[in-house]
């Protein structure tokens, strides 16, 4: 079966697994090959890995949720096509982390749970797609069945009809009849698998890959130049820059006066370029490293410069200049983004921090 087109909103990203993505970890990664690494996971970590894979592909789902654990009703990870959840179209990704390949005997209980969902809970719909995901893949017998939906349907129905076969022997007759009725009218082409190599390849395009497997970060695209007109999201740091220029150079607090001033104008243009470089780095981080990695870099730079910002200075512009100099030379080594961060990015992060009211250049006396 083909790999599904998986999607979700990016703000639903799962927490960073295991440890934060440090610079060293992003480069070296574990000593095992990726295919061997995933075989070392326990069942819970395997579900988290599947969630990362599903949630970080191009958006198609309204939401991706992980339900693994007691009470999951046979759903490890679900991709919902709408805000109707299980009442609308949805896809099921079932993680089975065994030390052997997945056999039909492993699949029957999970498939039964799927058919019991709408039987026990009438508001639930059968999934549009149901994919087994196992680190060692499917056994040949199950792979053949999944590749021939009619045969898979016939075998599943035969299992349901056996009153002594596990797990079907625990069904009451009403549930057995309802499952058989539903199975007979269902297209078993909905059942499939995601092959391990394809899973790893697709996971490799996400922001979680370097944390799990190393290999470094992809190359950053060239950052855009700032637009001629100021954007609404620039007004915080721009106002603080204007205050600093006015304190030393100007008699008015207008941006036009800053842009027309020989020294302040050239400096202002460089600061806007730095801000937009930092914004480009933020966007790059969103698709390349686990959530909060960029925010971690901002925090490191803040910690490096805050004592300087709070120190005594002749005026606000001197405070700004000393802060930017320190941000560029500060010894930062832990964050994975260090390998793709340039001096202008660090200066721009200072302006992001000013934008967020964490740094200020002109201090009221």
Protein backbone atom coordinates (compact mmCIF):
# COMPACT_ATOMS: atom_id res chain seq x y z
CA UNK A 1 0.00 0.00 0.00
CA UNK A 2 1.20 3.53 -0.66
CA UNK A 3 2.32 5.89 2.07
CA UNK A 4 -0.46 8.28 3.11
CA UNK A 5 -0.33 12.01 2.51
CA UNK A 6 -0.05 12.98 6.15
CA UNK A 7 -0.65 16.44 7.52
CA UNK A 8 -1.36 18.55 10.54
CA UNK A 9 -1.10 21.97 11.99
CA UNK A 10 2.41 22.77 13.11
CA UNK A 11 1.46 24.13 16.51
CA UNK A 12 0.47 20.62 17.54
CA UNK A 13 4.02 19.35 17.58
CA UNK A 14 4.84 16.77 20.25
CA UNK A 15 7.42 17.56 22.92
CA UNK A 16 11.10 17.12 22.13
CA UNK A 17 11.93 13.45 22.77
CA UNK A 18 14.59 12.16 25.11
CA UNK A 19 16.91 15.19 25.36
CA UNK A 20 16.99 18.63 23.84
CA UNK A 21 18.63 18.94 20.45
CA UNK A 22 22.12 20.08 21.35
CA UNK A 23 24.70 21.14 18.80
CA UNK A 24 26.76 17.98 19.39
CA UNK A 25 23.72 15.70 19.17
CA UNK A 26 22.53 17.29 15.93
CA UNK A 27 25.91 16.58 14.34
CA UNK A 28 26.82 13.17 15.76
CA UNK A 29 23.52 11.58 16.61
CA UNK A 30 23.48 8.07 18.04
CA UNK A 31 26.11 5.54 16.99
CA UNK A 32 23.58 3.17 15.42
CA UNK A 33 21.98 3.47 12.00
CA UNK A 34 18.48 4.96 12.06
CA UNK A 35 16.86 1.61 11.29
CA UNK A 36 18.63 0.08 14.30
CA UNK A 37 17.88 3.05 16.54
CA UNK A 38 14.12 2.71 16.18
CA UNK A 39 14.36 -0.96 17.09
CA UNK A 40 15.65 0.08 20.53
CA UNK A 41 12.54 2.14 21.34
CA UNK A 42 9.93 0.94 23.76
CA UNK A 43 6.25 0.98 22.79
CA UNK A 44 5.63 4.50 24.12
CA UNK A 45 8.64 6.03 22.34
CA UNK A 46 7.58 4.28 19.14
CA UNK A 47 4.21 6.02 19.32
CA UNK A 48 5.93 9.37 19.89
CA UNK A 49 8.12 8.70 16.85
CA UNK A 50 5.03 7.97 14.75
CA UNK A 51 3.42 11.17 16.01
CA UNK A 52 6.51 13.16 15.00
CA UNK A 53 6.42 11.60 11.56
CA UNK A 54 2.71 12.31 11.11
CA UNK A 55 2.58 15.76 12.61
CA UNK A 56 5.57 17.22 10.79
CA UNK A 57 4.61 16.44 7.22
CA UNK A 58 2.87 18.99 5.04
CA UNK A 59 -0.46 20.05 6.59
CA UNK A 60 -3.56 18.16 5.51
CA UNK A 61 -5.14 17.19 8.75
CA UNK A 62 -7.01 19.60 10.95
CA UNK A 63 -5.35 17.84 13.89
CA UNK A 64 -3.12 14.92 14.76
CA UNK A 65 -3.53 13.30 18.17
CA UNK A 66 -1.81 10.47 19.99
CA UNK A 67 -4.07 8.20 22.04
CA UNK A 68 -1.65 5.39 22.94
CA UNK A 69 -1.99 3.70 26.30
CA UNK A 70 -4.89 2.26 28.30
CA UNK A 71 -8.24 3.35 26.96
CA UNK A 72 -6.97 4.23 23.49
CA UNK A 73 -9.76 2.12 21.91
CA UNK A 74 -7.31 0.70 19.42
CA UNK A 75 -6.06 4.05 18.13
CA UNK A 76 -2.41 4.98 18.69
CA UNK A 77 -2.18 8.07 16.47
CA UNK A 78 -5.09 9.62 14.56
CA UNK A 79 -5.10 12.20 11.83
CA UNK A 80 -8.40 14.07 11.69
CA UNK A 81 -9.50 15.61 8.41
CA UNK A 82 -11.84 18.05 10.17
CA UNK A 83 -12.78 19.34 13.60
CA UNK A 84 -15.37 16.54 13.72
CA UNK A 85 -12.65 14.17 14.88
CA UNK A 86 -13.80 10.54 14.89
CA UNK A 87 -17.20 11.62 13.61
CA UNK A 88 -15.64 12.83 10.35
CA UNK A 89 -13.00 11.40 8.04
CA UNK A 90 -9.85 10.29 9.83
CA UNK A 91 -6.79 8.12 9.38
CA UNK A 92 -5.38 5.66 11.91
CA UNK A 93 -1.67 4.94 12.40
CA UNK A 94 -1.22 1.87 14.56
CA UNK A 95 2.23 1.37 16.02
CA UNK A 96 3.26 -2.18 16.95
CA UNK A 97 6.76 -2.35 18.40
CA UNK A 98 7.73 -6.03 18.51
CA UNK A 99 11.11 -7.73 18.28
CA UNK A 100 9.86 -9.66 15.25
CA UNK A 101 7.94 -8.86 12.10
CA UNK A 102 4.20 -8.27 12.40
CA UNK A 103 2.09 -11.39 11.73
CA UNK A 104 -1.62 -11.81 10.97
CA UNK A 105 -2.14 -12.98 14.55
CA UNK A 106 -0.88 -9.57 15.68
CA UNK A 107 -3.13 -7.75 13.23
CA UNK A 108 -6.47 -9.48 13.94
CA UNK A 109 -6.98 -8.01 17.45
CA UNK A 110 -6.19 -4.49 16.21
CA UNK A 111 -8.49 -4.82 13.23
CA UNK A 112 -11.25 -6.10 15.50
CA UNK A 113 -10.90 -3.01 17.71
CA UNK A 114 -11.32 -0.87 14.62
CA UNK A 115 -14.61 -2.52 13.65
CA UNK A 116 -15.82 -2.45 17.23
CA UNK A 117 -15.42 1.33 17.38
CA UNK A 118 -18.61 2.17 15.41
CA UNK A 119 -20.34 -0.89 16.90
CA UNK A 120 -19.77 0.20 20.50
CA UNK A 121 -19.69 3.93 19.84
CA UNK A 122 -22.12 4.75 17.01
CA UNK A 123 -20.78 8.29 16.55
CA UNK A 124 -17.39 6.89 15.47
CA UNK A 125 -16.74 6.33 11.79
CA UNK A 126 -14.38 3.70 10.43
CA UNK A 127 -11.06 5.31 9.47
CA UNK A 128 -10.50 6.32 5.88
CA UNK A 129 -7.10 4.63 6.07
CA UNK A 130 -5.58 2.30 8.63
CA UNK A 131 -1.82 1.75 8.56
CA UNK A 132 0.22 -0.69 10.61
CA UNK A 133 3.63 0.78 11.46
CA UNK A 134 6.20 -1.64 12.90
CA UNK A 135 10.01 -1.17 13.19
CA UNK A 136 10.68 -4.59 11.66
CA UNK A 137 7.90 -4.36 9.12
CA UNK A 138 5.28 -6.95 8.24
CA UNK A 139 5.81 -10.69 8.01
CA UNK A 140 5.44 -12.03 4.47
CA UNK A 141 2.08 -13.61 5.28
CA UNK A 142 0.59 -10.33 6.53
CA UNK A 143 2.23 -8.32 3.75
CA UNK A 144 0.53 -10.54 1.16
CA UNK A 145 -2.83 -10.16 2.87
CA UNK A 146 -2.53 -6.38 3.11
CA UNK A 147 -1.59 -6.29 -0.57
CA UNK A 148 -4.72 -8.25 -1.52
CA UNK A 149 -7.65 -6.56 0.26
CA UNK A 150 -10.22 -9.14 -0.85
CA UNK A 151 -8.17 -11.95 0.67
CA UNK A 152 -7.59 -9.90 3.84
CA UNK A 153 -11.34 -9.39 4.15
CA UNK A 154 -12.03 -13.10 3.65
CA UNK A 155 -9.46 -14.12 6.27
CA UNK A 156 -10.67 -11.57 8.80
CA UNK A 157 -14.29 -12.67 8.42
CA UNK A 158 -13.21 -16.30 8.82
CA UNK A 159 -11.47 -15.37 12.08
CA UNK A 160 -14.55 -13.56 13.40
CA UNK A 161 -16.71 -16.58 12.60
CA UNK A 162 -14.50 -18.92 14.67
CA UNK A 163 -16.08 -18.93 18.15
CA UNK A 164 -12.89 -20.29 19.78
CA UNK A 165 -10.29 -18.05 18.12
CA UNK A 166 -8.65 -15.25 20.11
CA UNK A 167 -9.64 -12.47 20.55
CA UNK A 168 -12.97 -13.17 18.88
CA UNK A 169 -14.12 -15.75 21.42
CA UNK A 170 -14.85 -12.97 23.91
CA UNK A 171 -17.40 -11.32 21.63
CA UNK A 172 -21.05 -11.57 22.54
CA UNK A 173 -23.25 -12.71 19.68
CA UNK A 174 -24.74 -9.27 19.06
CA UNK A 175 -21.29 -7.68 18.70
CA UNK A 176 -20.05 -10.57 16.55
CA UNK A 177 -22.99 -10.13 14.20
CA UNK A 178 -22.48 -6.38 13.97
CA UNK A 179 -18.75 -6.76 13.26
CA UNK A 180 -19.45 -9.36 10.55
CA UNK A 181 -22.09 -7.16 8.95
CA UNK A 182 -19.77 -4.16 8.89
CA UNK A 183 -16.76 -6.17 7.69
CA UNK A 184 -18.71 -7.57 4.74
CA UNK A 185 -19.53 -4.12 3.38
CA UNK A 186 -16.14 -2.51 4.09
CA UNK A 187 -13.41 -1.97 1.50
CA UNK A 188 -10.39 -3.62 3.11
CA UNK A 189 -8.18 -1.54 0.87
CA UNK A 190 -8.19 0.90 3.76
CA UNK A 191 -5.66 -1.35 5.55
CA UNK A 192 -2.02 -0.83 4.70
CA UNK A 193 1.43 -0.18 6.11
CA UNK A 194 4.20 2.40 6.00
CA UNK A 195 7.50 0.70 5.22
CA UNK A 196 10.34 1.39 7.64
CA UNK A 197 12.72 2.93 5.09
CA UNK A 198 10.00 5.26 3.80
CA UNK A 199 9.07 6.16 7.37
CA UNK A 200 12.66 7.09 8.23
CA UNK A 201 13.10 9.00 4.98
CA UNK A 202 9.98 11.09 5.59
CA UNK A 203 10.84 11.60 9.26
CA UNK A 204 14.20 12.86 8.03
CA UNK A 205 12.48 15.91 6.51
CA UNK A 206 11.07 16.96 9.88
CA UNK A 207 12.42 19.07 12.70
CA UNK A 208 12.81 15.97 14.86
CA UNK A 209 15.25 14.03 12.70
CA UNK A 210 18.52 15.56 13.86
CA UNK A 211 17.59 14.99 17.52
CA UNK A 212 17.02 11.30 16.88
CA UNK A 213 19.54 10.41 14.19
CA UNK A 214 22.11 13.21 13.90
CA UNK A 215 23.57 14.17 10.53
CA UNK A 216 23.48 17.93 11.02
CA UNK A 217 20.97 20.48 9.75
CA UNK A 218 20.08 21.21 6.18
CA UNK A 219 21.51 24.29 4.48
CA UNK A 220 19.76 27.56 5.25
CA UNK A 221 18.15 29.39 2.35
CA UNK A 222 19.27 32.93 1.63
CA UNK A 223 17.38 35.32 3.93
CA UNK A 224 15.14 37.96 2.33
CA UNK A 225 15.89 41.67 2.44
CA UNK A 226 13.57 43.72 4.64
CA UNK A 227 10.60 45.32 2.87
CA UNK A 228 10.79 49.05 2.19
CA UNK A 229 7.77 49.77 4.36
CA UNK A 230 7.86 48.93 8.04
CA UNK A 231 5.71 45.96 9.05
CA UNK A 232 3.37 45.94 12.02
CA UNK A 233 5.45 43.26 13.75
CA UNK A 234 8.53 45.52 13.70
CA UNK A 235 7.12 48.42 15.66
CA UNK A 236 8.36 47.31 19.08
CA UNK A 237 12.08 47.17 18.34
CA UNK A 238 11.90 50.04 15.84
CA UNK A 239 10.42 52.36 18.47
CA UNK A 240 13.27 51.46 20.86
CA UNK A 241 15.84 52.14 18.14
CA UNK A 242 14.27 55.51 17.37
CA UNK A 243 14.39 56.40 21.07
CA UNK A 244 18.12 55.61 21.11
CA UNK A 245 18.81 57.67 17.98
CA UNK A 246 16.78 60.60 19.28
CA UNK A 247 18.65 60.62 22.57
CA UNK A 248 21.96 61.13 20.76
CA UNK A 249 21.29 62.56 17.32
CA UNK A 250 17.78 63.88 16.75
CA UNK A 251 15.26 66.41 17.96
CA UNK A 252 12.25 64.44 16.76
CA UNK A 253 11.13 60.85 17.23
CA UNK A 254 10.01 60.08 13.67
CA UNK A 255 11.28 57.16 11.60
CA UNK A 256 11.61 59.54 8.65
CA UNK A 257 14.07 61.65 10.59
CA UNK A 258 16.10 58.55 11.45
CA UNK A 259 16.20 57.39 7.82
CA UNK A 260 17.34 60.83 6.69
CA UNK A 261 20.16 61.07 9.22
CA UNK A 262 23.62 60.11 7.90
CA UNK A 263 24.75 58.00 10.85
CA UNK A 264 21.44 56.89 12.30
CA UNK A 265 19.97 56.03 8.87
CA UNK A 266 22.76 53.63 7.89
CA UNK A 267 22.74 52.01 11.31
CA UNK A 268 18.95 51.66 11.26
CA UNK A 269 19.01 49.89 7.88
CA UNK A 270 21.56 47.39 9.16
CA UNK A 271 19.45 46.66 12.24
CA UNK A 272 16.38 45.97 10.10
CA UNK A 273 18.42 43.59 7.95
CA UNK A 274 19.59 41.79 11.09
CA UNK A 275 16.03 41.55 12.43
CA UNK A 276 14.80 39.95 9.22
CA UNK A 277 17.73 37.54 9.21
CA UNK A 278 16.72 36.44 12.70
CA UNK A 279 13.12 36.08 11.55
CA UNK A 280 14.32 33.90 8.67
CA UNK A 281 16.29 31.80 11.17
CA UNK A 282 13.11 31.43 13.23
CA UNK A 283 11.27 30.14 10.15
CA UNK A 284 14.13 27.78 9.29
CA UNK A 285 14.11 26.41 12.85
CA UNK A 286 10.38 25.74 12.70
CA UNK A 287 10.93 23.18 9.93
CA UNK A 288 14.39 21.92 10.86
CA UNK A 289 14.67 21.39 14.62
CA UNK A 290 12.34 20.37 17.45
CA UNK A 291 9.93 22.87 18.89
CA UNK A 292 11.42 25.53 21.23
CA UNK A 293 14.98 25.12 19.89
CA UNK A 294 14.95 28.65 18.49
CA UNK A 295 13.44 30.00 21.69
CA UNK A 296 16.27 28.27 23.53
CA UNK A 297 18.78 30.18 21.39
CA UNK A 298 17.00 33.44 22.19
CA UNK A 299 17.23 32.62 25.89
CA UNK A 300 20.96 31.87 25.62
CA UNK A 301 21.62 35.22 23.96
CA UNK A 302 19.45 37.00 26.51
CA UNK A 303 21.41 35.40 29.35
CA UNK A 304 24.68 36.43 27.66
CA UNK A 305 23.75 40.11 27.30
CA UNK A 306 21.33 40.95 30.09
CA UNK A 307 24.02 42.05 32.57
CA UNK A 308 25.43 44.42 29.96
CA UNK A 309 21.98 45.80 29.18
CA UNK A 310 21.35 46.49 32.85
CA UNK A 311 24.76 48.13 33.35
CA UNK A 312 25.60 51.85 33.31
CA UNK A 313 26.04 53.47 29.88
CA UNK A 314 26.42 56.99 28.54
CA UNK A 315 23.18 56.71 26.60
CA UNK A 316 20.82 54.20 25.01
CA UNK A 317 22.76 53.94 21.78
CA UNK A 318 25.90 52.94 23.66
CA UNK A 319 23.87 50.33 25.57
CA UNK A 320 22.58 48.97 22.26
CA UNK A 321 26.03 48.88 20.64
CA UNK A 322 27.68 47.14 23.59
CA UNK A 323 24.85 44.60 23.69
CA UNK A 324 25.13 43.80 19.99
CA UNK A 325 28.89 43.42 20.24
CA UNK A 326 28.55 40.99 23.14
CA UNK A 327 25.81 39.01 21.40
CA UNK A 328 28.12 38.42 18.43
CA UNK A 329 31.13 37.32 20.53
CA UNK A 330 29.31 35.37 23.26
CA UNK A 331 30.46 31.76 23.56
CA UNK A 332 27.33 29.77 22.75
CA UNK A 333 27.80 26.08 22.04
CA UNK A 334 24.87 24.03 23.28
CA UNK A 335 22.06 24.95 20.88
CA UNK A 336 21.87 23.05 17.57
CA UNK A 337 21.22 26.25 15.61
CA UNK A 338 24.70 27.56 16.45
CA UNK A 339 26.06 25.74 13.39
CA UNK A 340 23.85 27.77 11.04
CA UNK A 341 23.81 31.08 12.95
CA UNK A 342 25.82 34.09 11.75
CA UNK A 343 26.70 37.39 13.50
CA UNK A 344 23.80 39.27 11.91
CA UNK A 345 21.39 36.62 13.21
CA UNK A 346 22.60 37.23 16.76
CA UNK A 347 22.14 40.97 16.42
CA UNK A 348 18.71 40.36 14.99
CA UNK A 349 17.78 38.15 17.94
CA UNK A 350 18.57 41.09 20.23
CA UNK A 351 16.00 43.10 18.30
CA UNK A 352 13.52 40.24 18.58
CA UNK A 353 14.07 40.34 22.33
CA UNK A 354 13.51 44.10 22.27
CA UNK A 355 10.36 43.50 20.23
CA UNK A 356 9.17 41.18 23.01
CA UNK A 357 10.00 43.81 25.67
CA UNK A 358 12.79 41.70 27.15
CA UNK A 359 15.46 44.27 26.24
CA UNK A 360 15.31 48.09 26.24
CA UNK A 361 17.98 50.58 25.16
CA UNK A 362 16.85 53.90 26.64
CA UNK A 363 16.27 53.57 30.36
CA UNK A 364 14.12 56.15 32.12
CA UNK A 365 15.91 57.91 34.95
